[in-house]
Amino acid sequence: MAKEAFGYLFNGCSPVHPAKADFYTQAALDSGFEKPEFIRELKEWKVVESINVGPVLAYQYQVLI
């Protein structure tokens, strides 16, 4: 199905962004590993978002992390 989407930027990523420490801590615990420790970084990292995917392409995500 064709969409009028010229000029938009699309990032192919989940619309939900858990914190890195939260994601890896839960993954380690779910896998039976010891809880990891993280060094708090002083600078903020860029967060990639897929804000145009849903509204412009009428896309519905199947799985959210």
PDB file of N, CA and C in Angstrom:
ATOM      1  N   MET A   1       0.842  -1.169   0.000  1.00  0.00           N
ATOM      2  CA  MET A   1       0.000   0.000   0.000  1.00  0.00           C
ATOM      3  C   MET A   1       0.894   1.243   0.000  1.00  0.00           C
ATOM      4  N   ALA A   2       0.670   2.163  -0.902  1.00  0.00           N
ATOM      5  CA  ALA A   2       1.464   3.384  -1.016  1.00  0.00           C
ATOM      6  C   ALA A   2       1.045   4.389   0.046  1.00  0.00           C
ATOM      7  N   LYS A   3       2.025   5.097   0.562  1.00  0.00           N
ATOM      8  CA  LYS A   3       1.779   6.130   1.575  1.00  0.00           C
ATOM      9  C   LYS A   3       2.414   7.435   1.087  1.00  0.00           C
ATOM     10  N   GLU A   4       1.841   8.543   1.441  1.00  0.00           N
ATOM     11  CA  GLU A   4       2.424   9.855   1.163  1.00  0.00           C
ATOM     12  C   GLU A   4       3.395  10.170   2.295  1.00  0.00           C
ATOM     13  N   ALA A   5       4.617   9.649   2.178  1.00  0.00           N
ATOM     14  CA  ALA A   5       5.563   9.758   3.286  1.00  0.00           C
ATOM     15  C   ALA A   5       6.877  10.424   2.876  1.00  0.00           C
ATOM     16  N   PHE A   6       6.925  11.045   1.715  1.00  0.00           N
ATOM     17  CA  PHE A   6       8.157  11.698   1.273  1.00  0.00           C
ATOM     18  C   PHE A   6       8.508  12.843   2.225  1.00  0.00           C
ATOM     19  N   GLY A   7       9.780  12.945   2.581  1.00  0.00           N
ATOM     20  CA  GLY A   7      10.258  14.028   3.425  1.00  0.00           C
ATOM     21  C   GLY A   7      10.278  13.720   4.913  1.00  0.00           C
ATOM     22  N   TYR A   8       9.758  12.559   5.298  1.00  0.00           N
ATOM     23  CA  TYR A   8       9.784  12.154   6.705  1.00  0.00           C
ATOM     24  C   TYR A   8      11.011  11.294   6.967  1.00  0.00           C
ATOM     25  N   LEU A   9      11.490  11.310   8.188  1.00  0.00           N
ATOM     26  CA  LEU A   9      12.581  10.446   8.613  1.00  0.00           C
ATOM     27  C   LEU A   9      11.983   9.306   9.422  1.00  0.00           C
ATOM     28  N   PHE A  10      12.351   8.077   9.072  1.00  0.00           N
ATOM     29  CA  PHE A  10      11.840   6.902   9.774  1.00  0.00           C
ATOM     30  C   PHE A  10      12.992   6.122  10.394  1.00  0.00           C
ATOM     31  N   ASN A  11      12.875   5.852  11.693  1.00  0.00           N
ATOM     32  CA  ASN A  11      13.848   5.017  12.396  1.00  0.00           C
ATOM     33  C   ASN A  11      13.169   3.698  12.725  1.00  0.00           C
ATOM     34  N   GLY A  12      13.784   2.614  12.307  1.00  0.00           N
ATOM     35  CA  GLY A  12      13.225   1.293  12.580  1.00  0.00           C
ATOM     36  C   GLY A  12      13.635   0.809  13.955  1.00  0.00           C
ATOM     37  N   CYS A  13      12.913   1.226  14.965  1.00  0.00           N
ATOM     38  CA  CYS A  13      13.230   0.829  16.337  1.00  0.00           C
ATOM     39  C   CYS A  13      11.948   0.766  17.153  1.00  0.00           C
ATOM     40  N   SER A  14      12.053   0.136  18.288  1.00  0.00           N
ATOM     41  CA  SER A  14      10.909   0.013  19.185  1.00  0.00           C
ATOM     42  C   SER A  14      10.525   1.387  19.729  1.00  0.00           C
ATOM     43  N   PRO A  15       9.241   1.648  19.904  1.00  0.00           N
ATOM     44  CA  PRO A  15       8.843   2.927  20.479  1.00  0.00           C
ATOM     45  C   PRO A  15       9.086   3.008  21.990  1.00  0.00           C
ATOM     46  N   VAL A  16       9.439   1.886  22.603  1.00  0.00           N
ATOM     47  CA  VAL A  16       9.696   1.831  24.038  1.00  0.00           C
ATOM     48  C   VAL A  16      11.205   1.727  24.259  1.00  0.00           C
ATOM     49  N   HIS A  17      11.751   2.583  25.097  1.00  0.00           N
ATOM     50  CA  HIS A  17      13.193   2.599  25.346  1.00  0.00           C
ATOM     51  C   HIS A  17      13.481   2.407  26.827  1.00  0.00           C
ATOM     52  N   PRO A  18      13.656   1.157  27.263  1.00  0.00           N
ATOM     53  CA  PRO A  18      14.059   0.980  28.658  1.00  0.00           C
ATOM     54  C   PRO A  18      15.496   1.482  28.832  1.00  0.00           C
ATOM     55  N   ALA A  19      15.825   1.895  30.013  1.00  0.00           N
ATOM     56  CA  ALA A  19      17.197   2.324  30.289  1.00  0.00           C
ATOM     57  C   ALA A  19      18.133   1.132  30.094  1.00  0.00           C
ATOM     58  N   LYS A  20      19.333   1.414  29.636  1.00  0.00           N
ATOM     59  CA  LYS A  20      20.324   0.365  29.373  1.00  0.00           C
ATOM     60  C   LYS A  20      20.535  -0.514  30.607  1.00  0.00           C
ATOM     61  N   ALA A  21      20.711   0.105  31.762  1.00  0.00           N
ATOM     62  CA  ALA A  21      20.943  -0.653  32.992  1.00  0.00           C
ATOM     63  C   ALA A  21      19.737  -1.524  33.333  1.00  0.00           C
ATOM     64  N   ASP A  22      18.540  -0.993  33.157  1.00  0.00           N
ATOM     65  CA  ASP A  22      17.333  -1.770  33.444  1.00  0.00           C
ATOM     66  C   ASP A  22      17.212  -2.974  32.522  1.00  0.00           C
ATOM     67  N   PHE A  23      17.447  -2.758  31.224  1.00  0.00           N
ATOM     68  CA  PHE A  23      17.323  -3.838  30.250  1.00  0.00           C
ATOM     69  C   PHE A  23      18.321  -4.963  30.536  1.00  0.00           C
ATOM     70  N   TYR A  24      19.600  -4.606  30.682  1.00  0.00           N
ATOM     71  CA  TYR A  24      20.627  -5.637  30.877  1.00  0.00           C
ATOM     72  C   TYR A  24      20.552  -6.298  32.244  1.00  0.00           C
ATOM     73  N   THR A  25      20.126  -5.571  33.252  1.00  0.00           N
ATOM     74  CA  THR A  25      19.940  -6.180  34.570  1.00  0.00           C
ATOM     75  C   THR A  25      18.855  -7.247  34.508  1.00  0.00           C
ATOM     76  N   GLN A  26      17.712  -6.921  33.903  1.00  0.00           N
ATOM     77  CA  GLN A  26      16.623  -7.888  33.796  1.00  0.00           C
ATOM     78  C   GLN A  26      17.021  -9.074  32.923  1.00  0.00           C
ATOM     79  N   ALA A  27      17.728  -8.825  31.832  1.00  0.00           N
ATOM     80  CA  ALA A  27      18.175  -9.911  30.951  1.00  0.00           C
ATOM     81  C   ALA A  27      19.129 -10.850  31.689  1.00  0.00           C
ATOM     82  N   ALA A  28      20.029 -10.298  32.491  1.00  0.00           N
ATOM     83  CA  ALA A  28      20.968 -11.124  33.251  1.00  0.00           C
ATOM     84  C   ALA A  28      20.226 -11.960  34.285  1.00  0.00           C
ATOM     85  N   LEU A  29      19.315 -11.347  35.016  1.00  0.00           N
ATOM     86  CA  LEU A  29      18.567 -12.080  36.040  1.00  0.00           C
ATOM     87  C   LEU A  29      17.690 -13.167  35.410  1.00  0.00           C
ATOM     88  N   ASP A  30      17.051 -12.861  34.286  1.00  0.00           N
ATOM     89  CA  ASP A  30      16.224 -13.851  33.589  1.00  0.00           C
ATOM     90  C   ASP A  30      17.045 -15.036  33.096  1.00  0.00           C
ATOM     91  N   SER A  31      18.331 -14.795  32.800  1.00  0.00           N
ATOM     92  CA  SER A  31      19.208 -15.848  32.285  1.00  0.00           C
ATOM     93  C   SER A  31      19.978 -16.564  33.389  1.00  0.00           C
ATOM     94  N   GLY A  32      19.748 -16.168  34.639  1.00  0.00           N
ATOM     95  CA  GLY A  32      20.410 -16.832  35.755  1.00  0.00           C
ATOM     96  C   GLY A  32      21.799 -16.304  36.056  1.00  0.00           C
ATOM     97  N   PHE A  33      22.146 -15.151  35.496  1.00  0.00           N
ATOM     98  CA  PHE A  33      23.450 -14.556  35.756  1.00  0.00           C
ATOM     99  C   PHE A  33      23.371 -13.587  36.921  1.00  0.00           C
ATOM    100  N   GLU A  34      24.537 -13.235  37.428  1.00  0.00           N
ATOM    101  CA  GLU A  34      24.627 -12.262  38.506  1.00  0.00           C
ATOM    102  C   GLU A  34      24.220 -10.883  37.988  1.00  0.00           C
ATOM    103  N   LYS A  35      23.640 -10.077  38.856  1.00  0.00           N
ATOM    104  CA  LYS A  35      23.218  -8.735  38.480  1.00  0.00           C
ATOM    105  C   LYS A  35      24.442  -7.895  38.110  1.00  0.00           C
ATOM    106  N   PRO A  36      24.465  -7.287  36.915  1.00  0.00           N
ATOM    107  CA  PRO A  36      25.627  -6.484  36.510  1.00  0.00           C
ATOM    108  C   PRO A  36      25.653  -5.136  37.221  1.00  0.00           C
ATOM    109  N   GLU A  37      26.845  -4.555  37.285  1.00  0.00           N
ATOM    110  CA  GLU A  37      27.004  -3.214  37.831  1.00  0.00           C
ATOM    111  C   GLU A  37      27.351  -2.277  36.691  1.00  0.00           C
ATOM    112  N   PHE A  38      26.826  -1.082  36.743  1.00  0.00           N
ATOM    113  CA  PHE A  38      27.061  -0.111  35.680  1.00  0.00           C
ATOM    114  C   PHE A  38      27.738   1.120  36.235  1.00  0.00           C
ATOM    115  N   ILE A  39      28.594   1.719  35.413  1.00  0.00           N
ATOM    116  CA  ILE A  39      29.261   2.964  35.773  1.00  0.00           C
ATOM    117  C   ILE A  39      28.380   4.102  35.266  1.00  0.00           C
ATOM    118  N   ARG A  40      27.996   4.963  36.155  1.00  0.00           N
ATOM    119  CA  ARG A  40      27.152   6.096  35.757  1.00  0.00           C
ATOM    120  C   ARG A  40      27.964   7.034  34.871  1.00  0.00           C
ATOM    121  N   GLU A  41      27.472   7.280  33.677  1.00  0.00           N
ATOM    122  CA  GLU A  41      28.174   8.150  32.740  1.00  0.00           C
ATOM    123  C   GLU A  41      27.674   9.577  32.895  1.00  0.00           C
ATOM    124  N   LEU A  42      28.560  10.505  32.666  1.00  0.00           N
ATOM    125  CA  LEU A  42      28.229  11.898  32.887  1.00  0.00           C
ATOM    126  C   LEU A  42      27.498  12.553  31.714  1.00  0.00           C
ATOM    127  N   LYS A  43      27.684  12.023  30.527  1.00  0.00           N
ATOM    128  CA  LYS A  43      27.024  12.663  29.385  1.00  0.00           C
ATOM    129  C   LYS A  43      25.768  11.891  28.987  1.00  0.00           C
ATOM    130  N   GLU A  44      24.837  12.607  28.411  1.00  0.00           N
ATOM    131  CA  GLU A  44      23.602  11.978  27.970  1.00  0.00           C
ATOM    132  C   GLU A  44      23.797  11.445  26.555  1.00  0.00           C
ATOM    133  N   TRP A  45      23.204  10.302  26.293  1.00  0.00           N
ATOM    134  CA  TRP A  45      23.317   9.685  24.984  1.00  0.00           C
ATOM    135  C   TRP A  45      22.091   9.998  24.156  1.00  0.00           C
ATOM    136  N   LYS A  46      22.300   9.971  22.882  1.00  0.00           N
ATOM    137  CA  LYS A  46      21.211  10.207  21.940  1.00  0.00           C
ATOM    138  C   LYS A  46      20.225   9.050  22.016  1.00  0.00           C
ATOM    139  N   VAL A  47      18.956   9.353  22.022  1.00  0.00           N
ATOM    140  CA  VAL A  47      17.915   8.328  22.006  1.00  0.00           C
ATOM    141  C   VAL A  47      17.256   8.351  20.636  1.00  0.00           C
ATOM    142  N   VAL A  48      17.281   7.216  19.943  1.00  0.00           N
ATOM    143  CA  VAL A  48      16.655   7.112  18.633  1.00  0.00           C
ATOM    144  C   VAL A  48      15.180   6.814  18.848  1.00  0.00           C
ATOM    145  N   GLU A  49      14.318   7.573  18.188  1.00  0.00           N
ATOM    146  CA  GLU A  49      12.882   7.379  18.341  1.00  0.00           C
ATOM    147  C   GLU A  49      12.228   7.132  16.983  1.00  0.00           C
ATOM    148  N   SER A  50      11.125   6.438  17.019  1.00  0.00           N
ATOM    149  CA  SER A  50      10.388   6.138  15.793  1.00  0.00           C
ATOM    150  C   SER A  50       9.055   6.883  15.783  1.00  0.00           C
ATOM    151  N   ILE A  51       9.110   8.180  16.055  1.00  0.00           N
ATOM    152  CA  ILE A  51       7.883   8.956  16.237  1.00  0.00           C
ATOM    153  C   ILE A  51       7.034   9.084  14.972  1.00  0.00           C
ATOM    154  N   ASN A  52       7.622   8.952  13.797  1.00  0.00           N
ATOM    155  CA  ASN A  52       6.853   9.094  12.556  1.00  0.00           C
ATOM    156  C   ASN A  52       6.255   7.783  12.057  1.00  0.00           C
ATOM    157  N   VAL A  53       6.767   6.670  12.520  1.00  0.00           N
ATOM    158  CA  VAL A  53       6.330   5.369  11.984  1.00  0.00           C
ATOM    159  C   VAL A  53       4.839   5.134  12.189  1.00  0.00           C
ATOM    160  N   GLY A  54       4.357   5.288  13.391  1.00  0.00           N
ATOM    161  CA  GLY A  54       2.939   5.049  13.669  1.00  0.00           C
ATOM    162  C   GLY A  54       2.009   6.027  12.991  1.00  0.00           C
ATOM    163  N   PRO A  55       2.180   7.328  13.230  1.00  0.00           N
ATOM    164  CA  PRO A  55       1.247   8.299  12.657  1.00  0.00           C
ATOM    165  C   PRO A  55       1.290   8.404  11.128  1.00  0.00           C
ATOM    166  N   VAL A  56       2.477   8.408  10.543  1.00  0.00           N
ATOM    167  CA  VAL A  56       2.594   8.622   9.102  1.00  0.00           C
ATOM    168  C   VAL A  56       2.305   7.345   8.310  1.00  0.00           C
ATOM    169  N   LEU A  57       2.828   6.213   8.788  1.00  0.00           N
ATOM    170  CA  LEU A  57       2.660   4.954   8.056  1.00  0.00           C
ATOM    171  C   LEU A  57       1.495   4.113   8.563  1.00  0.00           C
ATOM    172  N   ALA A  58       0.834   4.562   9.616  1.00  0.00           N
ATOM    173  CA  ALA A  58      -0.259   3.811  10.243  1.00  0.00           C
ATOM    174  C   ALA A  58       0.199   2.408  10.626  1.00  0.00           C
ATOM    175  N   TYR A  59       1.441   2.335  11.138  1.00  0.00           N
ATOM    176  CA  TYR A  59       2.019   1.038  11.522  1.00  0.00           C
ATOM    177  C   TYR A  59       1.711   0.753  12.976  1.00  0.00           C
ATOM    178  N   GLN A  60       1.334  -0.486  13.251  1.00  0.00           N
ATOM    179  CA  GLN A  60       1.108  -0.914  14.628  1.00  0.00           C
ATOM    180  C   GLN A  60       2.169  -1.954  14.980  1.00  0.00           C
ATOM    181  N   TYR A  61       2.884  -1.708  16.053  1.00  0.00           N
ATOM    182  CA  TYR A  61       3.951  -2.615  16.476  1.00  0.00           C
ATOM    183  C   TYR A  61       3.364  -3.907  17.015  1.00  0.00           C
ATOM    184  N   GLN A  62       4.025  -5.009  16.699  1.00  0.00           N
ATOM    185  CA  GLN A  62       3.568  -6.327  17.140  1.00  0.00           C
ATOM    186  C   GLN A  62       4.123  -6.683  18.508  1.00  0.00           C
ATOM    187  N   VAL A  63       5.349  -6.272  18.786  1.00  0.00           N
ATOM    188  CA  VAL A  63       6.040  -6.621  20.034  1.00  0.00           C
ATOM    189  C   VAL A  63       6.665  -5.360  20.608  1.00  0.00           C
ATOM    190  N   LEU A  64       6.465  -5.137  21.887  1.00  0.00           N
ATOM    191  CA  LEU A  64       7.107  -4.028  22.581  1.00  0.00           C
ATOM    192  C   LEU A  64       8.054  -4.602  23.621  1.00  0.00           C
ATOM    193  N   ILE A  65       9.239  -3.988  23.758  1.00  0.00           N
ATOM    194  CA  ILE A  65      10.197  -4.466  24.767  1.00  0.00           C
ATOM    195  C   ILE A  65      10.105  -3.637  26.005  1.00  0.00           C
TER     196      ILE A  65
END
